[in-house]
N, C-alpha and C. Protein backbone atom coordinates (compact mmCIF):
# COMPACT_ATOMS: atom_id res chain seq x y z
N MET A 1 -10.70 26.54 -64.69
CA MET A 1 -10.22 27.43 -65.69
C MET A 1 -10.47 26.89 -67.09
N SER A 2 -10.36 25.63 -67.23
CA SER A 2 -10.58 25.05 -68.55
C SER A 2 -12.03 25.22 -68.97
N LYS A 3 -12.93 25.26 -68.00
CA LYS A 3 -14.34 25.46 -68.34
C LYS A 3 -14.57 26.84 -68.91
N GLU A 4 -13.93 27.81 -68.31
CA GLU A 4 -14.11 29.18 -68.77
C GLU A 4 -13.55 29.37 -70.17
N VAL A 5 -12.43 28.75 -70.35
CA VAL A 5 -11.78 28.90 -71.65
C VAL A 5 -12.63 28.24 -72.73
N VAL A 6 -13.15 27.09 -72.45
CA VAL A 6 -13.93 26.36 -73.44
C VAL A 6 -15.20 27.12 -73.73
N SER A 7 -15.83 27.68 -72.68
CA SER A 7 -17.11 28.36 -72.89
C SER A 7 -16.92 29.70 -73.59
N GLN A 8 -15.75 30.33 -73.44
CA GLN A 8 -15.54 31.62 -74.08
C GLN A 8 -15.18 31.46 -75.55
N ASN A 9 -14.53 30.43 -75.85
CA ASN A 9 -14.13 30.23 -77.24
C ASN A 9 -15.23 29.52 -78.00
N GLU A 10 -15.29 29.83 -79.22
CA GLU A 10 -16.25 29.16 -80.06
C GLU A 10 -15.64 27.85 -80.51
N PRO A 11 -16.48 26.86 -80.61
CA PRO A 11 -15.92 25.59 -81.02
C PRO A 11 -15.25 25.70 -82.40
N MET A 12 -14.12 25.09 -82.43
CA MET A 12 -13.36 25.13 -83.68
C MET A 12 -13.66 23.87 -84.48
N LYS A 13 -13.49 24.07 -85.68
CA LYS A 13 -13.65 22.91 -86.53
C LYS A 13 -12.32 22.18 -86.51
N THR A 14 -12.41 21.01 -86.00
CA THR A 14 -11.18 20.25 -85.87
C THR A 14 -11.37 18.90 -86.49
N SER A 15 -10.30 18.18 -86.41
CA SER A 15 -10.36 16.86 -86.99
C SER A 15 -11.09 15.92 -86.04
N GLY A 16 -11.22 14.67 -86.32
CA GLY A 16 -11.99 13.66 -85.58
C GLY A 16 -11.57 13.51 -84.14
N LYS A 17 -10.28 13.44 -83.87
CA LYS A 17 -9.83 13.21 -82.49
C LYS A 17 -10.07 14.44 -81.65
N ALA A 18 -9.80 15.57 -82.15
CA ALA A 18 -9.98 16.79 -81.39
C ALA A 18 -11.47 17.02 -81.11
N ARG A 19 -12.30 16.68 -82.12
CA ARG A 19 -13.73 16.85 -81.94
C ARG A 19 -14.25 15.91 -80.86
N LYS A 20 -13.75 14.70 -80.82
CA LYS A 20 -14.17 13.74 -79.79
C LYS A 20 -13.73 14.22 -78.43
N ALA A 21 -12.55 14.78 -78.32
CA ALA A 21 -12.06 15.28 -77.04
C ALA A 21 -12.91 16.46 -76.60
N SER A 22 -13.29 17.31 -77.55
CA SER A 22 -14.11 18.46 -77.24
C SER A 22 -15.51 18.02 -76.77
N ARG A 23 -16.06 17.02 -77.44
CA ARG A 23 -17.35 16.50 -77.03
C ARG A 23 -17.26 15.85 -75.66
N SER A 24 -16.18 15.16 -75.44
CA SER A 24 -15.98 14.53 -74.13
C SER A 24 -15.91 15.58 -73.05
N ARG A 25 -15.22 16.69 -73.33
CA ARG A 25 -15.15 17.76 -72.32
C ARG A 25 -16.53 18.36 -72.09
N ASP A 26 -17.27 18.55 -73.16
CA ASP A 26 -18.61 19.10 -73.04
C ASP A 26 -19.51 18.16 -72.22
N LEU A 27 -19.42 16.89 -72.53
CA LEU A 27 -20.22 15.91 -71.79
C LEU A 27 -19.78 15.86 -70.33
N LEU A 28 -18.47 15.92 -70.12
CA LEU A 28 -17.94 15.89 -68.76
C LEU A 28 -18.39 17.11 -67.98
N SER A 29 -18.33 18.28 -68.60
CA SER A 29 -18.77 19.48 -67.90
C SER A 29 -20.28 19.45 -67.64
N ALA A 30 -21.04 18.90 -68.60
CA ALA A 30 -22.50 18.78 -68.40
C ALA A 30 -22.79 17.81 -67.27
N LEU A 31 -22.05 16.69 -67.24
CA LEU A 31 -22.23 15.72 -66.16
C LEU A 31 -21.84 16.30 -64.81
N GLU A 32 -20.74 17.07 -64.79
CA GLU A 32 -20.33 17.70 -63.54
C GLU A 32 -21.41 18.66 -63.05
N GLY A 33 -22.02 19.38 -63.96
CA GLY A 33 -23.12 20.29 -63.60
C GLY A 33 -24.31 19.52 -63.03
N ARG A 34 -24.63 18.42 -63.67
CA ARG A 34 -25.74 17.60 -63.18
C ARG A 34 -25.42 17.00 -61.82
N VAL A 35 -24.17 16.56 -61.64
CA VAL A 35 -23.76 15.99 -60.35
C VAL A 35 -23.87 17.05 -59.27
N VAL A 36 -23.45 18.27 -59.56
CA VAL A 36 -23.54 19.37 -58.59
C VAL A 36 -25.01 19.62 -58.26
N THR A 37 -25.85 19.66 -59.28
CA THR A 37 -27.28 19.88 -59.06
C THR A 37 -27.88 18.72 -58.24
N LEU A 38 -27.46 17.51 -58.58
CA LEU A 38 -27.94 16.33 -57.85
C LEU A 38 -27.49 16.37 -56.40
N GLU A 39 -26.25 16.78 -56.17
CA GLU A 39 -25.74 16.87 -54.78
C GLU A 39 -26.53 17.92 -54.00
N LYS A 40 -26.85 19.05 -54.64
CA LYS A 40 -27.65 20.08 -53.97
C LYS A 40 -29.05 19.53 -53.64
N SER A 41 -29.61 18.82 -54.61
CA SER A 41 -30.94 18.23 -54.37
C SER A 41 -30.88 17.22 -53.23
N MET A 42 -29.83 16.42 -53.20
CA MET A 42 -29.67 15.43 -52.13
C MET A 42 -29.52 16.11 -50.77
N GLU A 43 -28.78 17.23 -50.74
CA GLU A 43 -28.64 17.98 -49.48
C GLU A 43 -30.01 18.51 -49.04
N ASP A 44 -30.78 19.03 -49.98
CA ASP A 44 -32.13 19.52 -49.66
C ASP A 44 -33.00 18.38 -49.13
N ILE A 45 -32.91 17.24 -49.78
CA ILE A 45 -33.72 16.08 -49.35
C ILE A 45 -33.29 15.63 -47.96
N LYS A 46 -31.96 15.61 -47.73
CA LYS A 46 -31.47 15.24 -46.40
C LYS A 46 -31.97 16.21 -45.33
N GLU A 47 -31.96 17.50 -45.65
CA GLU A 47 -32.46 18.49 -44.70
C GLU A 47 -33.95 18.27 -44.42
N ARG A 48 -34.72 18.00 -45.46
CA ARG A 48 -36.15 17.74 -45.30
C ARG A 48 -36.38 16.48 -44.46
N ILE A 49 -35.58 15.46 -44.76
CA ILE A 49 -35.71 14.21 -43.97
C ILE A 49 -35.36 14.48 -42.52
N ASP A 50 -34.30 15.26 -42.28
CA ASP A 50 -33.94 15.60 -40.90
C ASP A 50 -35.06 16.38 -40.21
N ASP A 51 -35.68 17.32 -40.96
CA ASP A 51 -36.80 18.09 -40.40
C ASP A 51 -37.98 17.16 -40.08
N VAL A 52 -38.28 16.25 -41.00
CA VAL A 52 -39.38 15.32 -40.77
C VAL A 52 -39.06 14.42 -39.58
N ASP A 53 -37.82 13.94 -39.50
CA ASP A 53 -37.42 13.11 -38.35
C ASP A 53 -37.58 13.89 -37.05
N ASP A 54 -37.14 15.14 -37.05
CA ASP A 54 -37.28 15.96 -35.83
C ASP A 54 -38.74 16.14 -35.45
N ARG A 55 -39.60 16.40 -36.45
CA ARG A 55 -41.03 16.56 -36.17
C ARG A 55 -41.63 15.27 -35.63
N ILE A 56 -41.26 14.15 -36.24
CA ILE A 56 -41.79 12.86 -35.78
C ILE A 56 -41.33 12.58 -34.37
N ILE A 57 -40.05 12.83 -34.09
CA ILE A 57 -39.53 12.59 -32.74
C ILE A 57 -40.23 13.50 -31.74
N ASP A 58 -40.41 14.77 -32.10
CA ASP A 58 -41.13 15.69 -31.19
C ASP A 58 -42.56 15.23 -30.97
N GLY A 59 -43.22 14.81 -32.06
CA GLY A 59 -44.60 14.32 -31.94
C GLY A 59 -44.68 13.09 -31.06
N LEU A 60 -43.74 12.18 -31.24
CA LEU A 60 -43.72 10.97 -30.42
C LEU A 60 -43.46 11.31 -28.95
N GLN A 61 -42.58 12.26 -28.71
CA GLN A 61 -42.31 12.68 -27.33
C GLN A 61 -43.58 13.25 -26.69
N ARG A 62 -44.29 14.10 -27.45
CA ARG A 62 -45.54 14.67 -26.92
C ARG A 62 -46.56 13.57 -26.65
N LEU A 63 -46.68 12.62 -27.59
CA LEU A 63 -47.61 11.50 -27.39
C LEU A 63 -47.22 10.67 -26.18
N LYS A 64 -45.92 10.48 -26.02
CA LYS A 64 -45.44 9.71 -24.87
C LYS A 64 -45.80 10.41 -23.56
N GLU A 65 -45.60 11.71 -23.52
CA GLU A 65 -45.94 12.47 -22.32
C GLU A 65 -47.45 12.46 -22.06
N GLN A 66 -48.24 12.59 -23.12
CA GLN A 66 -49.69 12.55 -22.97
C GLN A 66 -50.14 11.18 -22.47
N LEU A 67 -49.53 10.14 -23.02
CA LEU A 67 -49.87 8.78 -22.60
C LEU A 67 -49.50 8.56 -21.14
N LYS A 68 -48.33 9.04 -20.73
CA LYS A 68 -47.92 8.93 -19.33
C LYS A 68 -48.92 9.64 -18.43
N GLU A 69 -49.29 10.84 -18.82
CA GLU A 69 -50.24 11.62 -18.03
C GLU A 69 -51.59 10.91 -17.94
N PHE A 70 -52.04 10.36 -19.05
CA PHE A 70 -53.31 9.62 -19.07
C PHE A 70 -53.25 8.40 -18.16
N VAL A 71 -52.15 7.65 -18.27
CA VAL A 71 -52.00 6.44 -17.45
C VAL A 71 -51.98 6.81 -15.96
N TRP A 72 -51.23 7.84 -15.60
CA TRP A 72 -51.17 8.24 -14.18
C TRP A 72 -52.53 8.75 -13.69
N ASP A 73 -53.23 9.47 -14.55
CA ASP A 73 -54.58 9.93 -14.16
C ASP A 73 -55.51 8.74 -13.96
N THR A 74 -55.42 7.77 -14.87
CA THR A 74 -56.27 6.59 -14.75
C THR A 74 -55.94 5.80 -13.49
N ILE A 75 -54.66 5.65 -13.23
CA ILE A 75 -54.24 4.93 -12.01
C ILE A 75 -54.71 5.67 -10.78
N GLY A 76 -54.59 6.98 -10.79
CA GLY A 76 -55.03 7.78 -9.64
C GLY A 76 -56.52 7.67 -9.40
N SER A 77 -57.30 7.74 -10.48
CA SER A 77 -58.76 7.64 -10.29
C SER A 77 -59.15 6.24 -9.84
N SER A 78 -58.47 5.22 -10.39
CA SER A 78 -58.75 3.84 -9.96
C SER A 78 -58.38 3.65 -8.50
N GLU A 79 -57.27 4.25 -8.11
CA GLU A 79 -56.83 4.15 -6.71
C GLU A 79 -57.84 4.82 -5.78
N ASN A 80 -58.36 5.96 -6.19
CA ASN A 80 -59.36 6.65 -5.38
C ASN A 80 -60.64 5.83 -5.26
N LYS A 81 -61.06 5.24 -6.38
CA LYS A 81 -62.27 4.41 -6.34
C LYS A 81 -62.07 3.21 -5.42
N LEU A 82 -60.91 2.57 -5.54
CA LEU A 82 -60.64 1.41 -4.69
C LEU A 82 -60.54 1.80 -3.22
N ALA A 83 -59.98 2.96 -2.95
CA ALA A 83 -59.89 3.42 -1.57
C ALA A 83 -61.29 3.65 -1.00
N GLY A 84 -62.17 4.22 -1.81
CA GLY A 84 -63.56 4.43 -1.37
C GLY A 84 -64.26 3.11 -1.10
N LYS A 85 -64.06 2.14 -1.99
CA LYS A 85 -64.68 0.83 -1.79
C LYS A 85 -64.09 0.12 -0.58
N ASP A 86 -62.78 0.31 -0.37
CA ASP A 86 -62.12 -0.29 0.78
C ASP A 86 -62.71 0.28 2.07
N ASN A 87 -62.90 1.58 2.10
CA ASN A 87 -63.49 2.20 3.29
C ASN A 87 -64.92 1.70 3.52
N ALA A 88 -65.68 1.55 2.45
CA ALA A 88 -67.05 1.06 2.57
C ALA A 88 -67.06 -0.37 3.11
N LEU A 89 -66.15 -1.20 2.61
CA LEU A 89 -66.08 -2.58 3.09
C LEU A 89 -65.67 -2.63 4.56
N LYS A 90 -64.74 -1.78 4.94
CA LYS A 90 -64.32 -1.74 6.35
C LYS A 90 -65.49 -1.34 7.24
N ALA A 91 -66.28 -0.38 6.79
CA ALA A 91 -67.44 0.04 7.57
C ALA A 91 -68.46 -1.10 7.68
N MET A 92 -68.66 -1.84 6.57
CA MET A 92 -69.59 -2.96 6.61
C MET A 92 -69.11 -4.05 7.57
N VAL A 93 -67.82 -4.34 7.53
CA VAL A 93 -67.27 -5.36 8.41
C VAL A 93 -67.42 -4.93 9.87
N THR A 94 -67.15 -3.66 10.15
CA THR A 94 -67.30 -3.16 11.51
C THR A 94 -68.75 -3.29 11.98
N THR A 95 -69.68 -2.92 11.13
CA THR A 95 -71.10 -3.03 11.46
C THR A 95 -71.49 -4.48 11.70
N LEU A 96 -71.02 -5.37 10.84
CA LEU A 96 -71.35 -6.79 11.01
C LEU A 96 -70.76 -7.34 12.30
N LYS A 97 -69.55 -6.93 12.65
CA LYS A 97 -68.94 -7.38 13.91
C LYS A 97 -69.76 -6.90 15.10
N GLU A 98 -70.22 -5.65 15.03
CA GLU A 98 -71.05 -5.14 16.12
C GLU A 98 -72.35 -5.93 16.22
N ASP A 99 -72.97 -6.21 15.09
CA ASP A 99 -74.20 -7.00 15.08
C ASP A 99 -73.97 -8.40 15.65
N ILE A 100 -72.84 -9.01 15.28
CA ILE A 100 -72.53 -10.35 15.79
C ILE A 100 -72.35 -10.32 17.30
N ASN A 101 -71.64 -9.32 17.79
CA ASN A 101 -71.44 -9.22 19.24
C ASN A 101 -72.77 -9.01 19.96
N GLU A 102 -73.64 -8.20 19.38
CA GLU A 102 -74.96 -7.97 19.97
C GLU A 102 -75.77 -9.26 19.99
N LEU A 103 -75.73 -10.00 18.89
CA LEU A 103 -76.47 -11.26 18.82
C LEU A 103 -75.90 -12.30 19.80
N LYS A 104 -74.59 -12.29 19.97
CA LYS A 104 -73.97 -13.21 20.94
C LYS A 104 -74.47 -12.90 22.35
N GLY A 105 -74.57 -11.61 22.67
CA GLY A 105 -75.09 -11.22 23.98
C GLY A 105 -76.53 -11.68 24.17
N GLU A 106 -77.35 -11.47 23.13
CA GLU A 106 -78.74 -11.91 23.21
C GLU A 106 -78.83 -13.43 23.35
N LEU A 107 -77.97 -14.15 22.63
CA LEU A 107 -77.97 -15.60 22.70
C LEU A 107 -77.64 -16.07 24.12
N LYS A 108 -76.69 -15.41 24.76
CA LYS A 108 -76.34 -15.77 26.14
C LYS A 108 -77.54 -15.57 27.07
N ILE A 109 -78.24 -14.46 26.86
CA ILE A 109 -79.42 -14.17 27.69
C ILE A 109 -80.48 -15.25 27.47
N PHE A 110 -80.73 -15.60 26.19
CA PHE A 110 -81.75 -16.62 25.91
C PHE A 110 -81.36 -17.98 26.45
N LYS A 111 -80.08 -18.32 26.36
CA LYS A 111 -79.63 -19.60 26.91
C LYS A 111 -79.84 -19.64 28.41
N ALA A 112 -79.53 -18.54 29.07
CA ALA A 112 -79.72 -18.49 30.52
C ALA A 112 -81.20 -18.59 30.87
N ALA A 113 -82.06 -17.93 30.09
CA ALA A 113 -83.50 -17.96 30.35
C ALA A 113 -84.05 -19.37 30.14
N VAL A 114 -83.61 -20.04 29.08
CA VAL A 114 -84.08 -21.40 28.82
C VAL A 114 -83.57 -22.33 29.91
N GLY A 115 -82.34 -22.15 30.33
CA GLY A 115 -81.77 -22.99 31.38
C GLY A 115 -82.51 -22.84 32.70
N ASN A 116 -83.00 -21.66 32.98
CA ASN A 116 -83.74 -21.42 34.22
C ASN A 116 -85.21 -21.79 34.09
N GLY A 117 -85.67 -22.12 32.91
CA GLY A 117 -87.05 -22.50 32.71
C GLY A 117 -87.98 -21.31 32.66
N MET A 118 -87.44 -20.14 32.36
CA MET A 118 -88.27 -18.94 32.32
C MET A 118 -89.12 -18.87 31.05
N LEU A 119 -88.68 -19.53 30.00
CA LEU A 119 -89.41 -19.45 28.75
C LEU A 119 -90.25 -20.70 28.56
N ALA A 120 -91.32 -20.76 29.17
CA ALA A 120 -92.25 -21.88 28.97
C ALA A 120 -93.25 -21.43 27.93
N SER A 121 -93.49 -22.29 26.94
CA SER A 121 -94.39 -21.89 25.87
C SER A 121 -95.84 -21.88 26.34
N LYS A 122 -96.13 -22.73 27.29
CA LYS A 122 -97.49 -22.77 27.82
C LYS A 122 -97.40 -22.68 29.34
N PRO A 123 -98.36 -22.03 29.92
CA PRO A 123 -98.35 -22.01 31.39
C PRO A 123 -98.63 -23.41 31.91
N LYS A 124 -97.98 -23.74 33.00
CA LYS A 124 -98.18 -25.08 33.56
C LYS A 124 -99.60 -25.20 34.11
N GLN A 125 -100.20 -26.32 33.75
CA GLN A 125 -101.55 -26.58 34.23
C GLN A 125 -101.48 -27.33 35.55
N GLN A 126 -102.52 -27.20 36.24
CA GLN A 126 -102.58 -27.94 37.50
C GLN A 126 -102.73 -29.42 37.16
N ALA A 127 -102.19 -30.23 38.01
CA ALA A 127 -102.24 -31.67 37.77
C ALA A 127 -103.69 -32.13 37.76
N MET A 128 -104.02 -32.87 36.71
CA MET A 128 -105.36 -33.43 36.60
C MET A 128 -105.24 -34.93 36.51
N ASP A 129 -106.20 -35.54 36.96
CA ASP A 129 -106.24 -36.99 36.86
C ASP A 129 -106.99 -37.34 35.59
N VAL A 130 -106.23 -37.73 34.54
CA VAL A 130 -106.81 -38.06 33.25
C VAL A 130 -106.86 -39.58 33.17
N PRO A 131 -108.05 -40.15 32.92
CA PRO A 131 -108.14 -41.62 32.84
C PRO A 131 -107.42 -42.12 31.60
N LYS A 132 -106.71 -43.24 31.75
CA LYS A 132 -106.00 -43.85 30.64
C LYS A 132 -107.03 -44.49 29.71
N PRO A 133 -106.73 -44.53 28.40
CA PRO A 133 -107.67 -45.18 27.49
C PRO A 133 -107.66 -46.69 27.72
N LYS A 134 -108.74 -47.30 27.34
CA LYS A 134 -108.86 -48.75 27.50
C LYS A 134 -107.88 -49.44 26.56
N ALA A 135 -107.42 -50.59 26.93
CA ALA A 135 -106.47 -51.34 26.12
C ALA A 135 -107.16 -51.86 24.87
N PHE A 136 -106.36 -51.97 23.80
CA PHE A 136 -106.88 -52.46 22.53
C PHE A 136 -107.07 -53.97 22.65
N LYS A 137 -108.23 -54.46 22.17
CA LYS A 137 -108.59 -55.86 22.34
C LYS A 137 -108.07 -56.72 21.19
N GLY A 138 -107.66 -56.12 20.11
CA GLY A 138 -107.10 -56.89 19.01
C GLY A 138 -108.13 -57.31 17.99
N THR A 139 -109.35 -56.83 18.06
CA THR A 139 -110.35 -57.20 17.06
C THR A 139 -110.06 -56.45 15.77
N ARG A 140 -110.49 -57.07 14.70
CA ARG A 140 -110.19 -56.49 13.38
C ARG A 140 -111.36 -55.67 12.86
N SER A 141 -111.93 -54.95 13.67
CA SER A 141 -113.04 -54.10 13.28
C SER A 141 -112.49 -52.68 13.10
N ALA A 142 -112.83 -52.07 11.97
CA ALA A 142 -112.36 -50.72 11.68
C ALA A 142 -112.92 -49.74 12.69
N ASN A 143 -114.12 -49.96 13.11
CA ASN A 143 -114.75 -49.08 14.08
C ASN A 143 -113.99 -49.13 15.41
N GLU A 144 -113.61 -50.33 15.86
CA GLU A 144 -112.88 -50.49 17.12
C GLU A 144 -111.51 -49.81 17.03
N VAL A 145 -110.81 -49.96 15.90
CA VAL A 145 -109.48 -49.35 15.71
C VAL A 145 -109.60 -47.84 15.74
N ASP A 146 -110.61 -47.28 15.04
CA ASP A 146 -110.81 -45.83 15.03
C ASP A 146 -111.11 -45.31 16.43
N ASN A 147 -111.96 -46.01 17.17
CA ASN A 147 -112.29 -45.58 18.53
C ASN A 147 -111.06 -45.60 19.43
N PHE A 148 -110.22 -46.64 19.33
CA PHE A 148 -109.03 -46.75 20.14
C PHE A 148 -108.05 -45.60 19.82
N LEU A 149 -107.82 -45.31 18.53
CA LEU A 149 -106.89 -44.22 18.14
C LEU A 149 -107.43 -42.87 18.59
N TRP A 150 -108.73 -42.67 18.51
CA TRP A 150 -109.32 -41.41 18.94
C TRP A 150 -109.12 -41.24 20.45
N ALA A 151 -109.32 -42.30 21.20
CA ALA A 151 -109.14 -42.25 22.65
C ALA A 151 -107.70 -41.91 23.01
N ILE A 152 -106.72 -42.49 22.30
CA ILE A 152 -105.30 -42.20 22.58
C ILE A 152 -105.00 -40.73 22.27
N LYS A 153 -105.49 -40.20 21.15
CA LYS A 153 -105.25 -38.79 20.81
C LYS A 153 -105.83 -37.87 21.88
N GLN A 154 -107.01 -38.20 22.34
CA GLN A 154 -107.64 -37.38 23.39
C GLN A 154 -106.81 -37.42 24.67
N TYR A 155 -106.28 -38.60 25.01
CA TYR A 155 -105.47 -38.74 26.21
C TYR A 155 -104.21 -37.88 26.09
N PHE A 156 -103.51 -37.95 24.97
CA PHE A 156 -102.28 -37.15 24.78
C PHE A 156 -102.59 -35.66 24.81
N ARG A 157 -103.70 -35.25 24.22
CA ARG A 157 -104.08 -33.84 24.24
C ARG A 157 -104.37 -33.38 25.66
N ALA A 158 -105.06 -34.19 26.44
CA ALA A 158 -105.39 -33.83 27.82
C ALA A 158 -104.14 -33.78 28.69
N MET A 159 -103.15 -34.62 28.40
CA MET A 159 -101.92 -34.64 29.17
C MET A 159 -100.88 -33.64 28.63
N SER A 160 -101.20 -32.93 27.56
CA SER A 160 -100.32 -31.96 26.90
C SER A 160 -99.01 -32.61 26.44
N ILE A 161 -99.11 -33.77 25.87
CA ILE A 161 -97.93 -34.46 25.33
C ILE A 161 -97.91 -34.23 23.82
N GLU A 162 -96.84 -33.55 23.38
CA GLU A 162 -96.73 -33.23 21.95
C GLU A 162 -95.53 -33.91 21.30
N ASN A 163 -94.60 -34.37 22.07
CA ASN A 163 -93.39 -35.01 21.56
C ASN A 163 -93.72 -36.44 21.12
N ASP A 164 -93.34 -36.80 19.89
CA ASP A 164 -93.67 -38.12 19.35
C ASP A 164 -92.97 -39.24 20.11
N THR A 165 -91.73 -39.03 20.52
CA THR A 165 -91.03 -40.11 21.25
C THR A 165 -91.69 -40.37 22.59
N THR A 166 -92.15 -39.33 23.24
CA THR A 166 -92.86 -39.51 24.51
C THR A 166 -94.17 -40.25 24.28
N LYS A 167 -94.85 -39.92 23.18
CA LYS A 167 -96.10 -40.61 22.85
C LYS A 167 -95.86 -42.09 22.64
N VAL A 168 -94.76 -42.44 21.95
CA VAL A 168 -94.45 -43.85 21.71
C VAL A 168 -94.17 -44.56 23.01
N HIS A 169 -93.40 -43.95 23.90
CA HIS A 169 -93.07 -44.58 25.17
C HIS A 169 -94.34 -44.79 26.03
N LYS A 170 -95.22 -43.81 26.00
CA LYS A 170 -96.45 -43.92 26.79
C LYS A 170 -97.38 -45.02 26.24
N SER A 171 -97.45 -45.09 24.91
CA SER A 171 -98.40 -46.01 24.30
C SER A 171 -97.96 -47.47 24.40
N LYS A 172 -96.69 -47.71 24.73
CA LYS A 172 -96.22 -49.09 24.88
C LYS A 172 -96.93 -49.81 26.04
N THR A 173 -97.41 -49.05 26.99
CA THR A 173 -98.04 -49.66 28.16
C THR A 173 -99.43 -50.20 27.86
N TRP A 174 -100.05 -49.86 26.77
CA TRP A 174 -101.41 -50.34 26.49
C TRP A 174 -101.33 -51.55 25.65
């Protein structure tokens, strides 16, 4: 009410104290107006901040859902790929086991054949009487040594002796 009265009346010419009181009222009413305006502005700012917060929260929720969906899709595709590789590995292992069993069977057959003497690399020759080479005389002639070694090689070839240990045992007798 005091505001209305002051604004309707024209300022009076008064003495110093009354003028100061009048100015104080004017300043107070101007400040009250500014405070009201400031409070309205603050309410508007708070509403805008609330709107921005709501938008940010909604955006984050959408991003969170999209990220969840992406992660689950990635996990699902990785799981499918691993399942396919697992199946391929199982098939390879099964094939290898079958091959191993087949090879084991063949090995048994070969062992039995070797044990029975069925796999001879050369057909057996009829017994021949091969003369033994002459004994080495111990002379230091290169020609004599070459002739003696040639005779021993011929003897081993004629007797079909290919094993080195057998050759050593045979040659001890000369």
